[in-house]
Protein backbone atom coordinates (compact mmCIF):
# COMPACT_ATOMS: atom_id res chain seq x y z
CA UNK A 1 0.04 -0.08 0.06
CA UNK A 2 1.26 3.45 -0.78
CA UNK A 3 0.27 7.00 -0.76
CA UNK A 4 0.37 9.35 -4.11
CA UNK A 5 -1.13 12.72 -4.31
CA UNK A 6 -2.74 12.12 -1.10
CA UNK A 7 -4.89 9.16 -2.14
CA UNK A 8 -4.16 5.88 -0.29
CA UNK A 9 -3.55 3.12 -2.97
CA UNK A 10 -4.60 -0.44 -2.29
CA UNK A 11 -2.05 -1.74 -4.78
CA UNK A 12 1.18 -0.95 -6.89
CA UNK A 13 -1.27 -1.34 -9.82
CA UNK A 14 -3.61 1.47 -9.23
CA UNK A 15 -1.03 4.19 -10.06
CA UNK A 16 -0.60 6.50 -13.12
CA UNK A 17 3.28 6.29 -12.31
CA UNK A 18 3.27 2.17 -12.62
CA UNK A 19 1.49 2.19 -15.98
CA UNK A 20 3.34 5.23 -17.49
CA UNK A 21 6.52 3.27 -16.96
CA UNK A 22 4.89 0.15 -18.65
CA UNK A 23 4.11 2.45 -21.56
CA UNK A 24 7.57 4.22 -21.73
CA UNK A 25 9.11 0.48 -21.81
CA UNK A 26 6.69 -0.34 -24.56
CA UNK A 27 5.33 -3.18 -22.92
CA UNK A 28 1.57 -2.25 -22.58
CA UNK A 29 0.67 -4.92 -25.28
CA UNK A 30 1.77 -7.66 -22.99
CA UNK A 31 2.89 -6.23 -19.60
CA UNK A 32 3.39 -9.29 -17.79
CA UNK A 33 4.57 -11.64 -20.68
CA UNK A 34 7.62 -12.71 -18.93
CA UNK A 35 6.01 -13.38 -15.45
CA UNK A 36 5.63 -17.08 -14.51
CA UNK A 37 2.05 -18.24 -14.37
CA UNK A 38 0.94 -19.37 -10.70
CA UNK A 39 -2.26 -20.27 -9.36
CA UNK A 40 -3.28 -16.68 -8.65
CA UNK A 41 -2.86 -15.82 -12.37
CA UNK A 42 -5.87 -14.36 -14.27
CA UNK A 43 -6.20 -14.55 -18.11
CA UNK A 44 -7.77 -11.91 -20.21
CA UNK A 45 -9.19 -11.65 -23.92
CA UNK A 46 -9.94 -8.41 -25.12
CA UNK A 47 -10.98 -6.83 -28.50
CA UNK A 48 -11.65 -3.25 -29.93
CA UNK A 49 -12.75 -3.18 -33.53
CA UNK A 50 -13.01 0.09 -35.49
CA UNK A 51 -14.28 -1.25 -39.17
CA UNK A 52 -12.93 1.86 -40.43
CA UNK A 53 -9.74 2.06 -38.83
CA UNK A 54 -7.49 -0.61 -36.74
CA UNK A 55 -8.47 -3.47 -34.65
CA UNK A 56 -6.77 -4.41 -31.30
CA UNK A 57 -7.15 -7.88 -29.89
CA UNK A 58 -4.73 -9.20 -26.95
CA UNK A 59 -4.62 -12.56 -25.07
CA UNK A 60 -2.89 -11.79 -21.83
CA UNK A 61 -2.16 -13.14 -18.53
CA UNK A 62 -1.96 -11.38 -15.18
CA UNK A 63 0.03 -12.09 -11.87
CA UNK A 64 -3.43 -11.25 -9.88
CA UNK A 65 -6.64 -9.78 -10.01
CA UNK A 66 -5.06 -6.26 -9.12
CA UNK A 67 -2.84 -6.36 -12.03
CA UNK A 68 -5.79 -7.03 -14.44
CA UNK A 69 -7.81 -4.21 -12.69
CA UNK A 70 -5.18 -1.84 -13.40
CA UNK A 71 -4.67 -2.73 -16.97
CA UNK A 72 -8.50 -2.39 -17.45
CA UNK A 73 -8.40 1.34 -15.94
CA UNK A 74 -5.09 2.49 -17.37
CA UNK A 75 -4.98 0.79 -20.81
CA UNK A 76 -7.63 -1.42 -22.23
CA UNK A 77 -10.93 0.32 -21.17
CA UNK A 78 -9.38 3.77 -21.43
CA UNK A 79 -8.35 2.84 -25.11
CA UNK A 80 -11.37 1.36 -25.91
CA UNK A 81 -13.57 4.45 -24.60
CA UNK A 82 -11.27 6.90 -26.31
CA UNK A 83 -11.96 4.90 -29.65
CA UNK A 84 -15.59 5.40 -29.00
CA UNK A 85 -15.21 9.08 -28.22
CA UNK A 86 -12.84 10.29 -30.75
CA UNK A 87 -12.53 11.11 -34.35
CA UNK A 88 -9.33 9.33 -34.65
CA UNK A 89 -9.17 5.67 -35.96
CA UNK A 90 -5.79 4.96 -34.26
CA UNK A 91 -5.97 3.10 -31.08
CA UNK A 92 -3.46 4.77 -28.53
CA UNK A 93 -3.05 4.13 -24.95
CA UNK A 94 -4.56 7.03 -23.13
CA UNK A 95 -3.67 6.49 -19.35
CA UNK A 96 -6.27 6.73 -16.54
CA UNK A 97 -9.47 6.36 -17.56
CA UNK A 98 -11.12 9.23 -15.52
CA UNK A 99 -8.46 11.75 -16.50
CA UNK A 100 -9.08 10.57 -20.21
CA UNK A 101 -12.81 11.28 -19.82
CA UNK A 102 -12.10 14.72 -18.27
CA UNK A 103 -10.12 15.70 -21.24
CA UNK A 104 -12.45 14.40 -23.88
CA UNK A 105 -15.37 16.36 -22.04
CA UNK A 106 -13.67 19.55 -23.40
CA UNK A 107 -12.04 18.32 -26.42
CA UNK A 108 -12.93 19.24 -29.97
CA UNK A 109 -11.92 15.98 -30.81
CA UNK A 110 -14.77 14.41 -29.10
CA UNK A 111 -17.44 13.40 -31.20
CA UNK A 112 -19.72 11.50 -28.89
CA UNK A 113 -20.00 13.57 -25.72
CA UNK A 114 -23.53 12.14 -24.97
CA UNK A 115 -21.42 8.75 -24.09
CA UNK A 116 -19.22 10.17 -21.38
CA UNK A 117 -21.59 10.16 -18.55
CA UNK A 118 -22.38 6.54 -19.04
CA UNK A 119 -18.65 5.83 -19.57
CA UNK A 120 -18.26 7.56 -16.14
CA UNK A 121 -20.33 4.74 -14.57
CA UNK A 122 -18.35 2.03 -16.00
CA UNK A 123 -15.20 3.95 -14.46
CA UNK A 124 -16.85 3.93 -11.17
CA UNK A 125 -17.57 0.14 -11.28
CA UNK A 126 -13.94 -0.48 -12.29
CA UNK A 127 -13.01 1.56 -9.12
CA UNK A 128 -15.27 -0.26 -7.07
CA UNK A 129 -13.38 -3.86 -7.98
CA UNK A 130 -10.49 -2.58 -5.96
CA UNK A 131 -12.66 -2.75 -2.94
CA UNK A 132 -13.64 -6.43 -3.11
CA UNK A 133 -11.90 -9.11 -1.40
CA UNK A 134 -10.59 -12.60 -2.14
CA UNK A 135 -12.75 -14.91 -4.29
CA UNK A 136 -15.60 -12.14 -4.67
CA UNK A 137 -13.21 -10.14 -6.78
CA UNK A 138 -13.35 -12.28 -9.67
CA UNK A 139 -17.08 -12.70 -9.48
CA UNK A 140 -17.34 -8.99 -9.30
CA UNK A 141 -15.34 -8.40 -12.30
CA UNK A 142 -17.31 -11.08 -14.25
CA UNK A 143 -20.47 -9.13 -13.54
CA UNK A 144 -18.91 -6.03 -14.57
CA UNK A 145 -17.85 -7.64 -17.84
CA UNK A 146 -21.64 -8.68 -18.51
CA UNK A 147 -22.54 -5.02 -18.32
CA UNK A 148 -19.43 -4.07 -20.53
CA UNK A 149 -20.18 -6.32 -23.33
CA UNK A 150 -23.83 -5.74 -23.37
CA UNK A 151 -23.19 -2.22 -23.61
CA UNK A 152 -20.04 -1.85 -25.77
CA UNK A 153 -20.44 -4.90 -28.02
CA UNK A 154 -23.47 -4.09 -29.95
CA UNK A 155 -22.12 -1.75 -32.83
CA UNK A 156 -21.60 -2.66 -36.31
CA UNK A 157 -18.61 -0.49 -37.03
CA UNK A 158 -17.14 0.14 -33.56
CA UNK A 159 -17.46 -2.43 -30.75
CA UNK A 160 -15.35 -3.93 -27.90
CA UNK A 161 -15.70 -7.02 -25.63
CA UNK A 162 -13.77 -8.75 -22.90
CA UNK A 163 -13.69 -12.22 -21.66
CA UNK A 164 -11.67 -13.43 -18.69
CA UNK A 165 -10.66 -16.62 -17.28
CA UNK A 166 -9.71 -18.10 -13.69
CA UNK A 167 -7.42 -20.86 -14.90
CA UNK A 168 -5.58 -22.17 -18.26
CA UNK A 169 -7.95 -24.94 -18.48
CA UNK A 170 -10.92 -22.54 -18.26
CA UNK A 171 -9.30 -20.60 -21.18
CA UNK A 172 -8.36 -23.73 -23.05
CA UNK A 173 -12.07 -25.00 -22.76
CA UNK A 174 -13.60 -21.69 -24.05
CA UNK A 175 -11.40 -21.66 -27.08
CA UNK A 176 -12.39 -25.19 -28.02
CA UNK A 177 -15.78 -24.72 -27.55
CA UNK A 178 -15.56 -21.53 -29.52
CA UNK A 179 -14.16 -22.96 -32.50
CA UNK A 180 -16.32 -26.13 -32.39
CA UNK A 181 -19.63 -24.28 -31.82
CA UNK A 182 -18.96 -21.81 -34.47
CA UNK A 183 -20.46 -22.08 -38.00
CA UNK A 184 -17.50 -20.17 -39.61
CA UNK A 185 -14.76 -22.28 -37.78
CA UNK A 186 -13.91 -25.69 -36.86
CA UNK A 187 -11.40 -27.25 -34.31
CA UNK A 188 -8.73 -27.80 -37.16
CA UNK A 189 -8.36 -24.03 -37.66
CA UNK A 190 -7.49 -23.80 -33.87
CA UNK A 191 -5.26 -26.58 -34.01
CA UNK A 192 -3.49 -25.36 -36.95
CA UNK A 193 -3.02 -22.01 -34.94
CA UNK A 194 -1.91 -23.47 -31.87
CA UNK A 195 0.48 -26.08 -33.37
CA UNK A 196 -1.12 -28.82 -31.21
CA UNK A 197 -4.28 -31.01 -31.50
CA UNK A 198 -7.16 -30.60 -29.32
CA UNK A 199 -6.39 -33.32 -26.82
CA UNK A 200 -2.77 -32.07 -26.49
CA UNK A 201 -3.98 -28.26 -26.06
CA UNK A 202 -6.40 -29.46 -23.34
CA UNK A 203 -3.50 -31.50 -21.51
CA UNK A 204 -1.41 -28.51 -21.73
CA UNK A 205 -3.99 -26.33 -19.98
CA UNK A 206 -4.87 -28.85 -17.25
CA UNK A 207 -1.29 -29.61 -16.35
CA UNK A 208 0.08 -26.05 -16.18
CA UNK A 209 0.41 -25.69 -12.34
CA UNK A 210 1.84 -29.25 -12.09
CA UNK A 211 4.41 -29.29 -14.95
CA UNK A 212 7.17 -26.72 -15.73
CA UNK A 213 7.24 -27.94 -19.29
CA UNK A 214 3.51 -27.63 -19.82
CA UNK A 215 3.70 -24.18 -17.91
CA UNK A 216 6.57 -22.97 -20.51
CA UNK A 217 4.41 -24.41 -23.39
CA UNK A 218 1.16 -22.85 -22.47
CA UNK A 219 2.85 -19.44 -21.98
CA UNK A 220 4.61 -19.43 -25.24
CA UNK A 221 1.31 -20.45 -27.12
CA UNK A 222 -0.62 -17.81 -25.06
CA UNK A 223 1.88 -15.04 -25.99
CA UNK A 224 2.70 -15.90 -29.39
CA UNK A 225 0.13 -18.05 -31.12
CA UNK A 226 -3.46 -17.13 -30.04
CA UNK A 227 -4.05 -14.25 -32.56
CA UNK A 228 -7.81 -14.70 -34.01
CA UNK A 229 -10.87 -13.50 -32.75
CA UNK A 230 -13.51 -15.79 -31.52
């Protein structure tokens, strides 16, 4: 716990300074790629699509819930909301979500100021995530994401959505189910992408915490081979 600007911070991840350093080191795309996966790790899939500009998609792992909350506030949601508000088509890391919304409130570059009050509600919900404890944190995050996806994943030209997973196996099963249940994909497409069969992939995911080789294999696949939107 620390104090910055008179505010008590519950975590080092709730800090402009921390995330500014991540961005300066050009690590915001995958800030914890080199960190080992542990049983406290959580997993993230986030998408922002602008059909007239860029698309952003990442599969990431975080050392704990706090690190993911920080990433949502200082990187992903801030970037997504900026994309909804701005006339720009390039996705750029904007920093603290509340500060970005303050700037856009008075900016001539903002073409959807009507969205800002609702975005502030989502920002407040992210802030509340820092106050939850233990097992409740991930459940609260899941509830937040239901609201986020309902609101921001309904546009045809610009949309965003997030999936989170509590374990490698939950992530692995999600990917398999998504490819098997889609009319546009089949499991062979996933196998080609990952470089392993469905059975091998699920075995890797189920043994991450027990086997160092499988942990390295899972991390390598997550960081380097999962590319396509589901």
